[in-house]
Amino acid sequence: MKKSELRKEIKNRKRQFTSQQLSELSFAVIMRLLAHQRLKDARTVMLYYSLPDEVYTHTLVDALLASGKRVLLPRVTGEGTMELRLYTGPQSLEQGAYNIMEPVGEVFTDYAQIDLAVIPGVAFDRQLNRMGRGKGFYDRLLPQLGDAYKIGICFDFQLVESIECEEHDIRMDEVISGK
């Protein structure tokens, strides 16, 4: 299935769920992530501040910060590019590109310090390939993360048999869903 067709298919699957149901499905994903040894051991974690149709991460972001972890969130800086910034709490967010809440904290450039990266996606497959929204933001960011362990998180209905891949696509080290 072509990426554009798969994006439409996943969008249609999401429409079958209310925001309350997506929130409940998110809980199962986040609980599995919180139990993960890589997250427990990580000192510096890159996450994302979720959109309404993504696995809900707002509470997770705050919980990790409260536990003493250094939390990084992406901020859109231009056409197809993002930078990472330190998250210091909800007060350090402002509405940015694509109506995403983005951090205004200090720019973080020492990507070698990132132990774990939690990555959103429209879909993931059994070979740990990721398909995003099609703008290439994570395609440009992921190669810079070096040895950071990359976990894609998604709802069960976002797991597919295979995704059409290109040479520049970066695989996840693991994908966590609600199952």
Protein backbone atom coordinates (compact mmCIF):
# COMPACT_ATOMS: atom_id res chain seq x y z
CA MET A 1 0.00 0.00 0.00
CA LYS A 2 1.34 3.43 -0.89
CA LYS A 3 2.11 5.80 1.98
CA SER A 4 -0.66 8.24 0.98
CA GLU A 5 -3.21 5.40 0.97
CA LEU A 6 -1.95 4.09 4.30
CA ARG A 7 -2.22 7.55 5.88
CA LYS A 8 -5.87 7.73 4.76
CA GLU A 9 -6.53 4.22 6.08
CA ILE A 10 -5.09 5.04 9.52
CA LYS A 11 -7.01 8.32 9.61
CA ASN A 12 -10.22 6.39 8.93
CA ARG A 13 -9.37 3.91 11.69
CA LYS A 14 -8.81 6.78 14.15
CA ARG A 15 -12.20 8.27 13.31
CA GLN A 16 -13.84 5.17 14.77
CA PHE A 17 -12.70 6.22 18.25
CA THR A 18 -13.84 9.10 20.45
CA SER A 19 -11.24 11.29 22.14
CA GLN A 20 -12.16 9.56 25.43
CA GLN A 21 -11.49 6.15 23.88
CA LEU A 22 -8.14 7.32 22.48
CA SER A 23 -7.25 8.59 25.94
CA GLU A 24 -8.05 5.18 27.44
CA LEU A 25 -6.04 3.42 24.73
CA SER A 26 -3.15 5.81 25.41
CA PHE A 27 -3.09 4.77 29.05
CA ALA A 28 -2.20 1.17 28.13
CA VAL A 29 0.64 2.33 25.86
CA ILE A 30 2.04 4.72 28.47
CA MET A 31 1.89 2.09 31.22
CA ARG A 32 3.92 -0.31 29.04
CA LEU A 33 6.42 2.47 28.33
CA LEU A 34 6.73 3.39 32.02
CA ALA A 35 7.55 -0.24 32.84
CA HIS A 36 10.31 -0.34 30.22
CA GLN A 37 13.82 -0.69 31.63
CA ARG A 38 15.27 1.70 29.04
CA LEU A 39 12.99 4.46 30.30
CA LYS A 40 13.74 3.66 33.92
CA ASP A 41 17.49 3.85 33.25
CA ALA A 42 17.43 6.92 30.98
CA ARG A 43 18.65 10.26 32.26
CA THR A 44 17.83 12.29 29.14
CA VAL A 45 14.64 11.49 27.24
CA MET A 46 13.36 13.01 24.03
CA LEU A 47 9.57 12.90 23.78
CA TYR A 48 6.82 14.70 21.91
CA TYR A 49 3.90 16.75 23.20
CA SER A 50 0.98 14.92 21.65
CA LEU A 51 -1.65 16.13 19.24
CA PRO A 52 -5.26 15.03 19.88
CA ASP A 53 -4.98 12.05 17.51
CA GLU A 54 -1.68 10.72 18.93
CA VAL A 55 -0.86 8.62 21.97
CA TYR A 56 -1.41 11.14 24.78
CA THR A 57 1.93 12.12 26.33
CA HIS A 58 1.25 15.31 28.32
CA THR A 59 1.04 13.55 31.70
CA LEU A 60 4.03 11.35 30.88
CA VAL A 61 6.17 14.37 30.00
CA ASP A 62 5.38 15.99 33.36
CA ALA A 63 5.86 12.74 35.29
CA LEU A 64 9.31 12.18 33.79
CA LEU A 65 10.32 15.76 34.57
CA ALA A 66 9.08 15.34 38.16
CA SER A 67 11.11 12.13 38.49
CA GLY A 68 14.30 14.08 37.76
CA LYS A 69 14.84 13.16 34.14
CA ARG A 70 16.00 15.72 31.61
CA VAL A 71 13.10 16.00 29.16
CA LEU A 72 13.52 17.27 25.60
CA LEU A 73 10.72 18.22 23.23
CA PRO A 74 10.97 19.15 19.55
CA ARG A 75 10.21 22.61 18.22
CA VAL A 76 9.58 23.31 14.54
CA THR A 77 12.18 25.79 13.27
CA GLY A 78 11.51 25.88 9.56
CA GLU A 79 10.25 23.95 6.60
CA GLY A 80 10.80 20.33 7.59
CA THR A 81 13.24 21.04 10.43
CA MET A 82 13.07 20.81 14.21
CA GLU A 83 15.35 21.52 17.11
CA LEU A 84 15.20 20.05 20.60
CA ARG A 85 14.58 22.19 23.65
CA LEU A 86 14.61 21.52 27.36
CA TYR A 87 11.16 21.14 28.87
CA THR A 88 10.87 22.71 32.32
CA GLY A 89 7.12 22.42 32.86
CA PRO A 90 3.81 23.39 31.25
CA GLN A 91 4.64 27.07 31.65
CA SER A 92 7.50 26.59 29.19
CA LEU A 93 5.15 25.76 26.30
CA GLU A 94 3.58 27.96 23.67
CA GLN A 95 1.47 27.22 20.63
CA GLY A 96 3.75 26.72 17.67
CA ALA A 97 3.61 25.40 14.15
CA TYR A 98 0.65 23.19 13.21
CA ASN A 99 -1.04 24.18 16.51
CA ILE A 100 1.41 21.99 18.42
CA MET A 101 2.39 23.06 21.92
CA GLU A 102 6.15 23.56 21.73
CA PRO A 103 8.85 24.31 24.30
CA VAL A 104 10.42 27.74 24.57
CA GLY A 105 13.21 26.54 26.88
CA GLU A 106 16.92 26.35 26.23
CA VAL A 107 18.01 24.83 22.92
CA PHE A 108 19.58 21.40 23.42
CA THR A 109 22.34 20.43 21.00
CA ASP A 110 24.30 17.63 22.70
CA TYR A 111 22.35 14.82 21.04
CA ALA A 112 24.90 12.25 22.22
CA GLN A 113 23.47 12.75 25.73
CA ILE A 114 20.03 11.47 24.70
CA ASP A 115 19.51 8.01 26.15
CA LEU A 116 16.00 7.38 24.86
CA ALA A 117 13.83 8.90 22.13
CA VAL A 118 10.07 8.28 22.18
CA ILE A 119 8.78 8.84 18.66
CA PRO A 120 5.24 9.29 17.31
CA GLY A 121 4.12 7.99 13.96
CA VAL A 122 1.08 7.54 11.78
CA ALA A 123 1.96 3.84 11.43
CA PHE A 124 4.66 1.32 12.31
CA ASP A 125 5.29 -2.12 10.86
CA ARG A 126 6.69 -5.45 12.09
CA GLN A 127 10.15 -4.56 10.78
CA LEU A 128 10.15 -1.46 13.05
CA ASN A 129 9.72 0.96 10.15
CA ARG A 130 7.92 4.21 10.84
CA MET A 131 5.67 6.33 8.67
CA GLY A 132 5.05 9.91 9.73
CA ARG A 133 2.66 12.57 8.52
CA GLY A 134 4.67 13.17 5.36
CA LYS A 135 6.48 16.43 6.14
CA GLY A 136 9.84 14.80 6.90
CA PHE A 137 10.44 16.42 10.30
CA TYR A 138 11.48 13.20 12.05
CA ASP A 139 13.23 11.94 8.90
CA ARG A 140 15.64 14.86 9.36
CA LEU A 141 15.88 14.64 13.16
CA LEU A 142 16.31 10.90 13.71
CA PRO A 143 19.71 10.54 11.97
CA GLN A 144 21.13 13.13 14.39
CA LEU A 145 20.18 11.10 17.47
CA GLY A 146 23.12 8.72 17.16
CA ASP A 147 23.00 5.91 19.70
CA ALA A 148 19.79 7.01 21.42
CA TYR A 149 17.43 4.05 21.77
CA LYS A 150 14.38 4.83 19.65
CA ILE A 151 10.95 3.62 20.72
CA GLY A 152 7.98 4.30 18.50
CA ILE A 153 4.67 4.43 20.35
CA CYS A 154 1.26 3.97 18.78
CA PHE A 155 -2.23 2.61 19.13
CA ASP A 156 -2.73 -1.03 18.13
CA PHE A 157 -4.64 0.00 15.01
CA GLN A 158 -1.54 1.87 13.80
CA LEU A 159 0.47 -1.36 13.53
CA VAL A 160 0.55 -2.65 9.96
CA GLU A 161 2.18 -5.55 8.15
CA SER A 162 4.62 -3.45 6.12
CA ILE A 163 5.38 0.15 5.22
CA GLU A 164 6.86 1.33 1.95
CA CYS A 165 10.38 2.47 2.90
CA GLU A 166 13.00 4.70 1.40
CA GLU A 167 16.75 4.66 1.89
CA HIS A 168 16.75 7.61 4.31
CA ASP A 169 14.10 6.10 6.62
CA ILE A 170 15.37 5.30 10.11
CA ARG A 171 14.00 2.21 11.86
CA MET A 172 12.94 2.22 15.47
CA ASP A 173 14.74 -0.02 17.93
CA GLU A 174 11.35 -1.04 19.29
CA VAL A 175 7.66 -0.23 18.89
CA ILE A 176 5.25 -0.19 21.83
CA SER A 177 1.50 -0.31 21.43
CA GLY A 178 -1.26 -1.18 23.88
CA LYS A 179 -0.79 -4.96 23.53
